[in-house]
Amino acid sequence: MDLKEAIRSSYLAQGLSDAQLASLFALAEWQSFKAGDEILHQFDDSHDLMILATGAANVITLIGETIGVIKPGMPMGEVSLLDSKLRSGTVVAREACDVVVFSADPLMKLLLTSPDLAATFFLNISRVLCARLRSANQYLDVLMALEESEAGSSNS
């Protein structure tokens, strides 16, 4: 897969015109990671946005527990891009991965000067964040149900 195809097939590119995609292509860089390499580190102060092009990566907690999987087409780093705060999670390559990287400053400049591109791009990011929030809520529901079940069985 090449850089342009990786962007074109990503969640963030849905609904973008060829001209808008060309603007993104001009900003993108390609990086490769080996299995076990850290792609993003929690609390890092970088704000670059990434799209997984090939391979798979795990989102892990501070204690090393996997809480999510990043698959091709999925973005990483969108939270830090949006709020300019430290990274909210760590992402580790599960296998060899290729990643499309958008440096934060040039990407934000493009979005600020291209309102139509920005509207679609941010709508796509919003959809990704909503899907992740729903998944996190389901995960919490399961944990709470397990906790209640364990509490009930220990009171018997």
C-alpha atoms as a PDB file:
ATOM      1  CA  MET A   1       0.000   0.000   0.000  1.00  0.00           C
ATOM      2  CA  ASP A   2       1.303   3.454  -0.791  1.00  0.00           C
ATOM      3  CA  LEU A   3       0.868   6.685   1.153  1.00  0.00           C
ATOM      4  CA  LYS A   4      -1.940   8.054  -1.007  1.00  0.00           C
ATOM      5  CA  GLU A   5      -3.950   4.837  -0.847  1.00  0.00           C
ATOM      6  CA  ALA A   6      -3.450   4.648   2.919  1.00  0.00           C
ATOM      7  CA  ILE A   7      -4.907   8.142   3.328  1.00  0.00           C
ATOM      8  CA  ARG A   8      -7.676   7.611   0.791  1.00  0.00           C
ATOM      9  CA  SER A   9      -8.838   4.414   2.532  1.00  0.00           C
ATOM     10  CA  SER A  10      -8.703   5.836   6.068  1.00  0.00           C
ATOM     11  CA  TYR A  11     -11.655   6.774   8.240  1.00  0.00           C
ATOM     12  CA  LEU A  12     -10.536  10.411   8.139  1.00  0.00           C
ATOM     13  CA  ALA A  13     -10.790  10.692   4.345  1.00  0.00           C
ATOM     14  CA  GLN A  14     -14.453   9.751   4.008  1.00  0.00           C
ATOM     15  CA  GLY A  15     -16.308  12.383   1.992  1.00  0.00           C
ATOM     16  CA  LEU A  16     -13.210  14.350   0.950  1.00  0.00           C
ATOM     17  CA  SER A  17     -12.821  15.475  -2.658  1.00  0.00           C
ATOM     18  CA  ASP A  18      -9.783  14.620  -4.785  1.00  0.00           C
ATOM     19  CA  ALA A  19      -8.494  18.182  -4.352  1.00  0.00           C
ATOM     20  CA  GLN A  20      -8.889  17.986  -0.568  1.00  0.00           C
ATOM     21  CA  LEU A  21      -7.119  14.628  -0.519  1.00  0.00           C
ATOM     22  CA  ALA A  22      -4.289  16.113  -2.592  1.00  0.00           C
ATOM     23  CA  SER A  23      -3.814  18.766   0.105  1.00  0.00           C
ATOM     24  CA  LEU A  24      -3.448  16.022   2.703  1.00  0.00           C
ATOM     25  CA  PHE A  25      -1.103  13.974   0.499  1.00  0.00           C
ATOM     26  CA  ALA A  26       1.254  16.971   0.345  1.00  0.00           C
ATOM     27  CA  LEU A  27       1.604  17.013   4.156  1.00  0.00           C
ATOM     28  CA  ALA A  28       1.923  13.303   4.808  1.00  0.00           C
ATOM     29  CA  GLU A  29       5.026  11.332   5.713  1.00  0.00           C
ATOM     30  CA  TRP A  30       5.539   7.578   5.928  1.00  0.00           C
ATOM     31  CA  GLN A  31       7.028   5.799   8.943  1.00  0.00           C
ATOM     32  CA  SER A  32       7.605   2.107   9.564  1.00  0.00           C
ATOM     33  CA  PHE A  33       7.666   0.315  12.905  1.00  0.00           C
ATOM     34  CA  LYS A  34       8.734  -3.187  13.934  1.00  0.00           C
ATOM     35  CA  ALA A  35       6.701  -5.431  16.224  1.00  0.00           C
ATOM     36  CA  GLY A  36       7.068  -4.151  19.778  1.00  0.00           C
ATOM     37  CA  ASP A  37       8.008  -0.602  18.770  1.00  0.00           C
ATOM     38  CA  GLU A  38       6.205   2.204  20.534  1.00  0.00           C
ATOM     39  CA  ILE A  39       4.303   4.325  18.014  1.00  0.00           C
ATOM     40  CA  LEU A  40       2.836   6.764  20.544  1.00  0.00           C
ATOM     41  CA  HIS A  41       3.745   7.202  24.197  1.00  0.00           C
ATOM     42  CA  GLN A  42       1.270   8.288  26.865  1.00  0.00           C
ATOM     43  CA  PHE A  43       2.090  11.742  28.290  1.00  0.00           C
ATOM     44  CA  ASP A  44       4.365  12.626  25.347  1.00  0.00           C
ATOM     45  CA  ASP A  45       3.903  16.226  24.226  1.00  0.00           C
ATOM     46  CA  SER A  46       3.737  15.584  20.473  1.00  0.00           C
ATOM     47  CA  HIS A  47       0.473  16.368  18.690  1.00  0.00           C
ATOM     48  CA  ASP A  48       0.979  14.705  15.307  1.00  0.00           C
ATOM     49  CA  LEU A  49      -1.896  12.761  13.802  1.00  0.00           C
ATOM     50  CA  MET A  50      -1.233   9.274  12.457  1.00  0.00           C
ATOM     51  CA  ILE A  51      -3.137   6.770  10.369  1.00  0.00           C
ATOM     52  CA  LEU A  52      -2.264   3.094  10.550  1.00  0.00           C
ATOM     53  CA  ALA A  53      -1.684   1.964   6.963  1.00  0.00           C
ATOM     54  CA  THR A  54      -0.613  -1.652   7.452  1.00  0.00           C
ATOM     55  CA  GLY A  55      -0.261  -4.043  10.355  1.00  0.00           C
ATOM     56  CA  ALA A  56      -1.921  -3.803  13.757  1.00  0.00           C
ATOM     57  CA  ALA A  57      -1.138  -1.995  16.989  1.00  0.00           C
ATOM     58  CA  ASN A  58      -2.290  -2.263  20.589  1.00  0.00           C
ATOM     59  CA  VAL A  59      -3.464   0.575  22.789  1.00  0.00           C
ATOM     60  CA  ILE A  60      -2.054  -0.207  26.212  1.00  0.00           C
ATOM     61  CA  THR A  61      -2.448   1.079  29.761  1.00  0.00           C
ATOM     62  CA  LEU A  62       0.341   2.241  32.052  1.00  0.00           C
ATOM     63  CA  ILE A  63       0.562  -1.287  33.467  1.00  0.00           C
ATOM     64  CA  GLY A  64       0.813  -2.842  30.001  1.00  0.00           C
ATOM     65  CA  GLU A  65      -2.756  -4.118  29.651  1.00  0.00           C
ATOM     66  CA  THR A  66      -4.168  -4.013  26.119  1.00  0.00           C
ATOM     67  CA  ILE A  67      -7.388  -2.019  26.022  1.00  0.00           C
ATOM     68  CA  GLY A  68      -7.808  -1.622  22.277  1.00  0.00           C
ATOM     69  CA  VAL A  69      -6.519  -2.543  18.859  1.00  0.00           C
ATOM     70  CA  ILE A  70      -5.706  -0.139  16.032  1.00  0.00           C
ATOM     71  CA  LYS A  71      -6.298  -1.582  12.571  1.00  0.00           C
ATOM     72  CA  PRO A  72      -5.472  -0.232   9.109  1.00  0.00           C
ATOM     73  CA  GLY A  73      -7.381   2.949   8.280  1.00  0.00           C
ATOM     74  CA  MET A  74      -7.764   3.969  11.917  1.00  0.00           C
ATOM     75  CA  PRO A  75      -6.288   7.226  13.217  1.00  0.00           C
ATOM     76  CA  MET A  76      -4.034   7.613  16.248  1.00  0.00           C
ATOM     77  CA  GLY A  77      -3.172  10.784  18.104  1.00  0.00           C
ATOM     78  CA  GLU A  78      -6.370  12.629  17.264  1.00  0.00           C
ATOM     79  CA  VAL A  79      -7.069  13.574  20.885  1.00  0.00           C
ATOM     80  CA  SER A  80      -3.740  15.408  21.273  1.00  0.00           C
ATOM     81  CA  LEU A  81      -4.192  17.027  17.880  1.00  0.00           C
ATOM     82  CA  LEU A  82      -7.559  18.407  18.970  1.00  0.00           C
ATOM     83  CA  ASP A  83      -6.798  19.537  22.516  1.00  0.00           C
ATOM     84  CA  SER A  84      -3.018  20.209  22.291  1.00  0.00           C
ATOM     85  CA  LYS A  85      -2.503  18.318  25.539  1.00  0.00           C
ATOM     86  CA  LEU A  86      -0.205  15.388  26.337  1.00  0.00           C
ATOM     87  CA  ARG A  87      -0.840  12.036  24.678  1.00  0.00           C
ATOM     88  CA  SER A  88      -3.715  10.177  26.330  1.00  0.00           C
ATOM     89  CA  GLY A  89      -2.451   6.666  25.579  1.00  0.00           C
ATOM     90  CA  THR A  90       0.382   4.447  24.448  1.00  0.00           C
ATOM     91  CA  VAL A  91       0.233   2.576  21.156  1.00  0.00           C
ATOM     92  CA  VAL A  92       2.620  -0.310  20.469  1.00  0.00           C
ATOM     93  CA  ALA A  93       3.076  -2.120  17.148  1.00  0.00           C
ATOM     94  CA  ARG A  94       1.673  -5.628  17.436  1.00  0.00           C
ATOM     95  CA  GLU A  95       3.428  -6.570  14.211  1.00  0.00           C
ATOM     96  CA  ALA A  96       5.349  -4.658  11.569  1.00  0.00           C
ATOM     97  CA  CYS A  97       3.366  -1.498  10.812  1.00  0.00           C
ATOM     98  CA  ASP A  98       3.405   1.328   8.323  1.00  0.00           C
ATOM     99  CA  VAL A  99       1.994   4.625   9.505  1.00  0.00           C
ATOM    100  CA  VAL A 100       1.052   7.856   7.736  1.00  0.00           C
ATOM    101  CA  VAL A 101       2.111  10.843   9.853  1.00  0.00           C
ATOM    102  CA  PHE A 102       0.713  14.368   9.648  1.00  0.00           C
ATOM    103  CA  SER A 103       2.769  16.903  11.588  1.00  0.00           C
ATOM    104  CA  ALA A 104       0.381  18.871  13.783  1.00  0.00           C
ATOM    105  CA  ASP A 105       1.317  22.441  12.849  1.00  0.00           C
ATOM    106  CA  PRO A 106       1.086  22.118   9.044  1.00  0.00           C
ATOM    107  CA  LEU A 107      -2.082  20.028   9.338  1.00  0.00           C
ATOM    108  CA  MET A 108      -3.787  22.578  11.601  1.00  0.00           C
ATOM    109  CA  LYS A 109      -2.723  25.436   9.287  1.00  0.00           C
ATOM    110  CA  LEU A 110      -4.284  23.586   6.344  1.00  0.00           C
ATOM    111  CA  LEU A 111      -7.499  22.937   8.265  1.00  0.00           C
ATOM    112  CA  LEU A 112      -7.735  26.562   9.447  1.00  0.00           C
ATOM    113  CA  THR A 113      -7.411  27.833   5.874  1.00  0.00           C
ATOM    114  CA  SER A 114      -9.703  25.225   4.274  1.00  0.00           C
ATOM    115  CA  PRO A 115     -13.093  25.359   6.014  1.00  0.00           C
ATOM    116  CA  ASP A 116     -14.787  22.741   3.820  1.00  0.00           C
ATOM    117  CA  LEU A 117     -11.918  20.303   4.323  1.00  0.00           C
ATOM    118  CA  ALA A 118     -11.874  21.049   8.045  1.00  0.00           C
ATOM    119  CA  ALA A 119     -15.626  20.473   8.437  1.00  0.00           C
ATOM    120  CA  THR A 120     -15.474  17.020   6.852  1.00  0.00           C
ATOM    121  CA  PHE A 121     -12.188  16.105   8.522  1.00  0.00           C
ATOM    122  CA  PHE A 122     -13.406  17.062  12.007  1.00  0.00           C
ATOM    123  CA  LEU A 123     -16.745  15.346  11.432  1.00  0.00           C
ATOM    124  CA  ASN A 124     -14.820  12.173  10.596  1.00  0.00           C
ATOM    125  CA  ILE A 125     -12.676  12.548  13.727  1.00  0.00           C
ATOM    126  CA  SER A 126     -15.861  13.078  15.750  1.00  0.00           C
ATOM    127  CA  ARG A 127     -17.274   9.818  14.426  1.00  0.00           C
ATOM    128  CA  VAL A 128     -14.100   7.961  15.384  1.00  0.00           C
ATOM    129  CA  LEU A 129     -14.155   9.477  18.875  1.00  0.00           C
ATOM    130  CA  CYS A 130     -17.837   8.607  19.303  1.00  0.00           C
ATOM    131  CA  ALA A 131     -17.156   4.997  18.319  1.00  0.00           C
ATOM    132  CA  ARG A 132     -14.311   4.828  20.837  1.00  0.00           C
ATOM    133  CA  LEU A 133     -16.454   6.373  23.572  1.00  0.00           C
ATOM    134  CA  ARG A 134     -19.241   3.857  22.930  1.00  0.00           C
ATOM    135  CA  SER A 135     -16.708   1.019  23.104  1.00  0.00           C
ATOM    136  CA  ALA A 136     -15.246   2.379  26.351  1.00  0.00           C
ATOM    137  CA  ASN A 137     -18.734   2.671  27.839  1.00  0.00           C
ATOM    138  CA  GLN A 138     -19.489  -0.953  26.945  1.00  0.00           C
ATOM    139  CA  TYR A 139     -16.184  -2.023  28.480  1.00  0.00           C
ATOM    140  CA  LEU A 140     -17.028  -0.129  31.684  1.00  0.00           C
ATOM    141  CA  ASP A 141     -20.500  -1.710  31.773  1.00  0.00           C
ATOM    142  CA  VAL A 142     -18.928  -5.175  31.629  1.00  0.00           C
ATOM    143  CA  LEU A 143     -16.423  -4.299  34.359  1.00  0.00           C
ATOM    144  CA  MET A 144     -19.165  -2.910  36.592  1.00  0.00           C
ATOM    145  CA  ALA A 145     -21.322  -6.009  36.041  1.00  0.00           C
ATOM    146  CA  LEU A 146     -18.374  -8.248  36.952  1.00  0.00           C
ATOM    147  CA  GLU A 147     -17.681  -6.188  40.050  1.00  0.00           C
ATOM    148  CA  GLU A 148     -21.331  -6.396  41.135  1.00  0.00           C
ATOM    149  CA  SER A 149     -21.364 -10.136  40.453  1.00  0.00           C
ATOM    150  CA  GLU A 150     -18.197 -10.660  42.515  1.00  0.00           C
ATOM    151  CA  ALA A 151     -19.560  -8.489  45.331  1.00  0.00           C
ATOM    152  CA  GLY A 152     -22.813 -10.478  45.325  1.00  0.00           C
ATOM    153  CA  SER A 153     -21.048 -13.835  45.441  1.00  0.00           C
ATOM    154  CA  SER A 154     -18.753 -12.767  48.289  1.00  0.00           C
ATOM    155  CA  ASN A 155     -21.763 -11.648  50.380  1.00  0.00           C
ATOM    156  CA  SER A 156     -23.387 -15.076  50.129  1.00  0.00           C
END
